[in-house]
Amino acid sequence: MMKLKVVTKYVGWCRECGGTIPIGKEVYWKKGDGVRHVGCVRMSEIRTRTRTSPTKKEDRFGFIA
């Protein structure tokens, strides 16, 4: 089944980024998979971009040591 572009009737959460989706926004919906923002950036892509070239040593919590 392909994803459908729909307008939200309820407040929800994006399956990709975890962000809130307010009423009246266009989203992609797929049965059994949930909703996603239109043009949403995946959290894995955000983590990859921010972690590719650290300039200072970070501890396991992401704080600069």
PDB file of N, CA and C in Angstrom:
ATOM      1  N   MET A   1       0.840  -1.183   0.000  1.00  0.00           N
ATOM      2  CA  MET A   1       0.000   0.000   0.000  1.00  0.00           C
ATOM      3  C   MET A   1       0.884   1.244   0.000  1.00  0.00           C
ATOM      4  N   MET A   2       0.524   2.224  -0.778  1.00  0.00           N
ATOM      5  CA  MET A   2       1.327   3.434  -0.851  1.00  0.00           C
ATOM      6  C   MET A   2       0.870   4.457   0.178  1.00  0.00           C
ATOM      7  N   LYS A   3       1.746   5.411   0.444  1.00  0.00           N
ATOM      8  CA  LYS A   3       1.395   6.448   1.409  1.00  0.00           C
ATOM      9  C   LYS A   3       0.475   7.474   0.755  1.00  0.00           C
ATOM     10  N   LEU A   4      -0.397   8.041   1.578  1.00  0.00           N
ATOM     11  CA  LEU A   4      -1.358   9.027   1.110  1.00  0.00           C
ATOM     12  C   LEU A   4      -1.050  10.380   1.736  1.00  0.00           C
ATOM     13  N   LYS A   5      -1.272  11.445   0.995  1.00  0.00           N
ATOM     14  CA  LYS A   5      -1.124  12.789   1.529  1.00  0.00           C
ATOM     15  C   LYS A   5      -2.496  13.219   2.029  1.00  0.00           C
ATOM     16  N   VAL A   6      -2.605  13.472   3.348  1.00  0.00           N
ATOM     17  CA  VAL A   6      -3.881  13.820   3.960  1.00  0.00           C
ATOM     18  C   VAL A   6      -3.719  15.048   4.848  1.00  0.00           C
ATOM     19  N   VAL A   7      -4.828  15.638   5.256  1.00  0.00           N
ATOM     20  CA  VAL A   7      -4.837  16.753   6.203  1.00  0.00           C
ATOM     21  C   VAL A   7      -5.285  16.197   7.553  1.00  0.00           C
ATOM     22  N   THR A   8      -4.551  16.537   8.617  1.00  0.00           N
ATOM     23  CA  THR A   8      -4.838  15.978   9.938  1.00  0.00           C
ATOM     24  C   THR A   8      -6.130  16.523  10.525  1.00  0.00           C
ATOM     25  N   LYS A   9      -6.860  15.649  11.215  1.00  0.00           N
ATOM     26  CA  LYS A   9      -8.071  16.023  11.943  1.00  0.00           C
ATOM     27  C   LYS A   9      -7.798  16.079  13.438  1.00  0.00           C
ATOM     28  N   TYR A  10      -6.681  15.482  13.850  1.00  0.00           N
ATOM     29  CA  TYR A  10      -6.325  15.396  15.262  1.00  0.00           C
ATOM     30  C   TYR A  10      -4.857  15.755  15.434  1.00  0.00           C
ATOM     31  N   VAL A  11      -4.478  16.120  16.649  1.00  0.00           N
ATOM     32  CA  VAL A  11      -3.075  16.344  16.967  1.00  0.00           C
ATOM     33  C   VAL A  11      -2.384  14.990  16.981  1.00  0.00           C
ATOM     34  N   GLY A  12      -1.188  14.927  16.439  1.00  0.00           N
ATOM     35  CA  GLY A  12      -0.459  13.665  16.402  1.00  0.00           C
ATOM     36  C   GLY A  12       1.035  13.881  16.495  1.00  0.00           C
ATOM     37  N   TRP A  13       1.804  12.809  16.296  1.00  0.00           N
ATOM     38  CA  TRP A  13       3.253  12.856  16.370  1.00  0.00           C
ATOM     39  C   TRP A  13       3.851  12.216  15.133  1.00  0.00           C
ATOM     40  N   CYS A  14       4.897  12.821  14.636  1.00  0.00           N
ATOM     41  CA  CYS A  14       5.592  12.345  13.444  1.00  0.00           C
ATOM     42  C   CYS A  14       6.391  11.081  13.768  1.00  0.00           C
ATOM     43  N   ARG A  15       6.266  10.063  12.922  1.00  0.00           N
ATOM     44  CA  ARG A  15       7.001   8.804  13.120  1.00  0.00           C
ATOM     45  C   ARG A  15       8.484   8.950  12.820  1.00  0.00           C
ATOM     46  N   GLU A  16       8.876   9.958  12.059  1.00  0.00           N
ATOM     47  CA  GLU A  16      10.285  10.151  11.703  1.00  0.00           C
ATOM     48  C   GLU A  16      11.037  10.945  12.759  1.00  0.00           C
ATOM     49  N   CYS A  17      10.509  12.129  13.109  1.00  0.00           N
ATOM     50  CA  CYS A  17      11.263  13.025  13.990  1.00  0.00           C
ATOM     51  C   CYS A  17      10.690  13.109  15.392  1.00  0.00           C
ATOM     52  N   GLY A  18       9.472  12.604  15.599  1.00  0.00           N
ATOM     53  CA  GLY A  18       8.858  12.655  16.921  1.00  0.00           C
ATOM     54  C   GLY A  18       8.206  13.994  17.231  1.00  0.00           C
ATOM     55  N   GLY A  19       8.233  14.924  16.285  1.00  0.00           N
ATOM     56  CA  GLY A  19       7.652  16.242  16.488  1.00  0.00           C
ATOM     57  C   GLY A  19       6.130  16.206  16.475  1.00  0.00           C
ATOM     58  N   THR A  20       5.536  17.232  17.071  1.00  0.00           N
ATOM     59  CA  THR A  20       4.081  17.339  17.118  1.00  0.00           C
ATOM     60  C   THR A  20       3.539  17.760  15.760  1.00  0.00           C
ATOM     61  N   ILE A  21       2.423  17.183  15.390  1.00  0.00           N
ATOM     62  CA  ILE A  21       1.729  17.550  14.152  1.00  0.00           C
ATOM     63  C   ILE A  21       0.383  18.146  14.559  1.00  0.00           C
ATOM     64  N   PRO A  22       0.181  19.455  14.343  1.00  0.00           N
ATOM     65  CA  PRO A  22      -1.083  20.082  14.737  1.00  0.00           C
ATOM     66  C   PRO A  22      -2.228  19.757  13.780  1.00  0.00           C
ATOM     67  N   ILE A  23      -3.419  20.099  14.181  1.00  0.00           N
ATOM     68  CA  ILE A  23      -4.615  19.910  13.355  1.00  0.00           C
ATOM     69  C   ILE A  23      -4.507  20.792  12.116  1.00  0.00           C
ATOM     70  N   GLY A  24      -4.908  20.245  10.958  1.00  0.00           N
ATOM     71  CA  GLY A  24      -4.960  21.013   9.725  1.00  0.00           C
ATOM     72  C   GLY A  24      -3.693  21.016   8.895  1.00  0.00           C
ATOM     73  N   LYS A  25      -2.683  20.241   9.281  1.00  0.00           N
ATOM     74  CA  LYS A  25      -1.432  20.172   8.519  1.00  0.00           C
ATOM     75  C   LYS A  25      -1.461  19.004   7.547  1.00  0.00           C
ATOM     76  N   GLU A  26      -0.808  19.171   6.394  1.00  0.00           N
ATOM     77  CA  GLU A  26      -0.682  18.067   5.446  1.00  0.00           C
ATOM     78  C   GLU A  26       0.404  17.115   5.931  1.00  0.00           C
ATOM     79  N   VAL A  27       0.098  15.833   5.894  1.00  0.00           N
ATOM     80  CA  VAL A  27       1.040  14.799   6.314  1.00  0.00           C
ATOM     81  C   VAL A  27       0.941  13.626   5.348  1.00  0.00           C
ATOM     82  N   TYR A  28       1.940  12.757   5.409  1.00  0.00           N
ATOM     83  CA  TYR A  28       1.864  11.481   4.706  1.00  0.00           C
ATOM     84  C   TYR A  28       1.399  10.439   5.698  1.00  0.00           C
ATOM     85  N   TRP A  29       0.422   9.623   5.300  1.00  0.00           N
ATOM     86  CA  TRP A  29      -0.112   8.571   6.145  1.00  0.00           C
ATOM     87  C   TRP A  29      -0.067   7.250   5.401  1.00  0.00           C
ATOM     88  N   LYS A  30       0.314   6.206   6.130  1.00  0.00           N
ATOM     89  CA  LYS A  30       0.313   4.862   5.574  1.00  0.00           C
ATOM     90  C   LYS A  30      -0.247   3.927   6.633  1.00  0.00           C
ATOM     91  N   LYS A  31      -1.221   3.113   6.255  1.00  0.00           N
ATOM     92  CA  LYS A  31      -1.855   2.192   7.191  1.00  0.00           C
ATOM     93  C   LYS A  31      -0.806   1.313   7.864  1.00  0.00           C
ATOM     94  N   GLY A  32      -0.858   1.265   9.180  1.00  0.00           N
ATOM     95  CA  GLY A  32       0.067   0.450   9.943  1.00  0.00           C
ATOM     96  C   GLY A  32       1.415   1.091  10.172  1.00  0.00           C
ATOM     97  N   ASP A  33       1.662   2.244   9.542  1.00  0.00           N
ATOM     98  CA  ASP A  33       2.964   2.906   9.664  1.00  0.00           C
ATOM     99  C   ASP A  33       2.860   4.268  10.334  1.00  0.00           C
ATOM    100  N   GLY A  34       1.678   4.857  10.376  1.00  0.00           N
ATOM    101  CA  GLY A  34       1.490   6.146  11.026  1.00  0.00           C
ATOM    102  C   GLY A  34       1.674   7.329  10.089  1.00  0.00           C
ATOM    103  N   VAL A  35       1.862   8.511  10.678  1.00  0.00           N
ATOM    104  CA  VAL A  35       1.969   9.747   9.895  1.00  0.00           C
ATOM    105  C   VAL A  35       3.369  10.339   9.981  1.00  0.00           C
ATOM    106  N   ARG A  36       3.713  11.113   8.947  1.00  0.00           N
ATOM    107  CA  ARG A  36       5.004  11.798   8.871  1.00  0.00           C
ATOM    108  C   ARG A  36       4.767  13.188   8.320  1.00  0.00           C
ATOM    109  N   HIS A  37       5.562  14.162   8.785  1.00  0.00           N
ATOM    110  CA  HIS A  37       5.496  15.499   8.201  1.00  0.00           C
ATOM    111  C   HIS A  37       5.789  15.412   6.706  1.00  0.00           C
ATOM    112  N   VAL A  38       5.207  16.290   5.911  1.00  0.00           N
ATOM    113  CA  VAL A  38       5.577  16.400   4.505  1.00  0.00           C
ATOM    114  C   VAL A  38       6.947  17.083   4.492  1.00  0.00           C
ATOM    115  N   GLY A  39       7.945  16.449   3.921  1.00  0.00           N
ATOM    116  CA  GLY A  39       9.305  17.008   3.880  1.00  0.00           C
ATOM    117  C   GLY A  39      10.074  16.842   5.175  1.00  0.00           C
ATOM    118  N   CYS A  40       9.699  15.891   6.012  1.00  0.00           N
ATOM    119  CA  CYS A  40      10.358  15.689   7.305  1.00  0.00           C
ATOM    120  C   CYS A  40      11.777  15.139   7.117  1.00  0.00           C
ATOM    121  N   VAL A  41      12.689  15.632   7.940  1.00  0.00           N
ATOM    122  CA  VAL A  41      14.059  15.122   7.953  1.00  0.00           C
ATOM    123  C   VAL A  41      14.121  14.032   9.013  1.00  0.00           C
ATOM    124  N   ARG A  42      14.630  12.889   8.625  1.00  0.00           N
ATOM    125  CA  ARG A  42      14.723  11.766   9.570  1.00  0.00           C
ATOM    126  C   ARG A  42      15.700  12.089  10.698  1.00  0.00           C
ATOM    127  N   MET A  43      15.398  11.605  11.895  1.00  0.00           N
ATOM    128  CA  MET A  43      16.282  11.824  13.038  1.00  0.00           C
ATOM    129  C   MET A  43      17.658  11.219  12.790  1.00  0.00           C
ATOM    130  N   SER A  44      17.727  10.098  12.098  1.00  0.00           N
ATOM    131  CA  SER A  44      19.026   9.479  11.819  1.00  0.00           C
ATOM    132  C   SER A  44      19.874  10.391  10.945  1.00  0.00           C
ATOM    133  N   GLU A  45      19.244  11.119  10.014  1.00  0.00           N
ATOM    134  CA  GLU A  45      19.981  12.052   9.170  1.00  0.00           C
ATOM    135  C   GLU A  45      20.473  13.238   9.979  1.00  0.00           C
ATOM    136  N   ILE A  46      19.660  13.703  10.944  1.00  0.00           N
ATOM    137  CA  ILE A  46      20.069  14.810  11.801  1.00  0.00           C
ATOM    138  C   ILE A  46      21.263  14.392  12.639  1.00  0.00           C
ATOM    139  N   ARG A  47      21.204  13.198  13.235  1.00  0.00           N
ATOM    140  CA  ARG A  47      22.315  12.708  14.054  1.00  0.00           C
ATOM    141  C   ARG A  47      23.581  12.559  13.228  1.00  0.00           C
ATOM    142  N   THR A  48      23.453  12.055  12.004  1.00  0.00           N
ATOM    143  CA  THR A  48      24.609  11.865  11.134  1.00  0.00           C
ATOM    144  C   THR A  48      25.267  13.205  10.817  1.00  0.00           C
ATOM    145  N   ARG A  49      24.471  14.206  10.493  1.00  0.00           N
ATOM    146  CA  ARG A  49      25.027  15.515  10.151  1.00  0.00           C
ATOM    147  C   ARG A  49      25.695  16.189  11.337  1.00  0.00           C
ATOM    148  N   THR A  50      25.168  16.002  12.541  1.00  0.00           N
ATOM    149  CA  THR A  50      25.748  16.675  13.699  1.00  0.00           C
ATOM    150  C   THR A  50      26.932  15.912  14.271  1.00  0.00           C
ATOM    151  N   ARG A  51      27.079  14.658  13.949  1.00  0.00           N
ATOM    152  CA  ARG A  51      28.146  13.835  14.523  1.00  0.00           C
ATOM    153  C   ARG A  51      29.279  13.527  13.552  1.00  0.00           C
ATOM    154  N   THR A  52      29.268  14.047  12.350  1.00  0.00           N
ATOM    155  CA  THR A  52      30.262  13.647  11.367  1.00  0.00           C
ATOM    156  C   THR A  52      31.652  14.193  11.642  1.00  0.00           C
ATOM    157  N   SER A  53      31.757  15.415  12.146  1.00  0.00           N
ATOM    158  CA  SER A  53      33.085  15.983  12.357  1.00  0.00           C
ATOM    159  C   SER A  53      33.178  16.715  13.697  1.00  0.00           C
ATOM    160  N   PRO A  54      33.276  15.951  14.784  1.00  0.00           N
ATOM    161  CA  PRO A  54      33.391  16.613  16.078  1.00  0.00           C
ATOM    162  C   PRO A  54      34.739  17.322  16.201  1.00  0.00           C
ATOM    163  N   THR A  55      34.705  18.532  16.730  1.00  0.00           N
ATOM    164  CA  THR A  55      35.948  19.288  16.883  1.00  0.00           C
ATOM    165  C   THR A  55      36.550  19.107  18.263  1.00  0.00           C
ATOM    166  N   LYS A  56      35.720  18.734  19.243  1.00  0.00           N
ATOM    167  CA  LYS A  56      36.203  18.508  20.599  1.00  0.00           C
ATOM    168  C   LYS A  56      35.692  17.162  21.078  1.00  0.00           C
ATOM    169  N   LYS A  57      36.402  16.565  22.029  1.00  0.00           N
ATOM    170  CA  LYS A  57      36.006  15.267  22.539  1.00  0.00           C
ATOM    171  C   LYS A  57      34.742  15.388  23.381  1.00  0.00           C
ATOM    172  N   GLU A  58      33.776  14.503  23.116  1.00  0.00           N
ATOM    173  CA  GLU A  58      32.521  14.487  23.855  1.00  0.00           C
ATOM    174  C   GLU A  58      32.431  13.210  24.675  1.00  0.00           C
ATOM    175  N   ASP A  59      31.787  13.309  25.843  1.00  0.00           N
ATOM    176  CA  ASP A  59      31.568  12.103  26.632  1.00  0.00           C
ATOM    177  C   ASP A  59      30.341  11.363  26.079  1.00  0.00           C
ATOM    178  N   ARG A  60      29.943  10.281  26.718  1.00  0.00           N
ATOM    179  CA  ARG A  60      28.861   9.457  26.190  1.00  0.00           C
ATOM    180  C   ARG A  60      27.503  10.136  26.214  1.00  0.00           C
ATOM    181  N   PHE A  61      27.368  11.267  26.923  1.00  0.00           N
ATOM    182  CA  PHE A  61      26.117  12.015  26.968  1.00  0.00           C
ATOM    183  C   PHE A  61      26.107  13.171  25.986  1.00  0.00           C
ATOM    184  N   GLY A  62      27.182  13.365  25.231  1.00  0.00           N
ATOM    185  CA  GLY A  62      27.249  14.431  24.247  1.00  0.00           C
ATOM    186  C   GLY A  62      27.803  15.743  24.778  1.00  0.00           C
ATOM    187  N   PHE A  63      28.261  15.739  26.042  1.00  0.00           N
ATOM    188  CA  PHE A  63      28.848  16.952  26.608  1.00  0.00           C
ATOM    189  C   PHE A  63      30.327  17.035  26.258  1.00  0.00           C
ATOM    190  N   ILE A  64      30.786  18.243  26.022  1.00  0.00           N
ATOM    191  CA  ILE A  64      32.199  18.439  25.705  1.00  0.00           C
ATOM    192  C   ILE A  64      33.018  18.321  26.984  1.00  0.00           C
ATOM    193  N   ALA A  65      34.001  17.437  26.962  1.00  0.00           N
ATOM    194  CA  ALA A  65      34.820  17.181  28.146  1.00  0.00           C
ATOM    195  C   ALA A  65      35.989  18.127  28.225  1.00  0.00           C
TER     196      ALA A  65
END
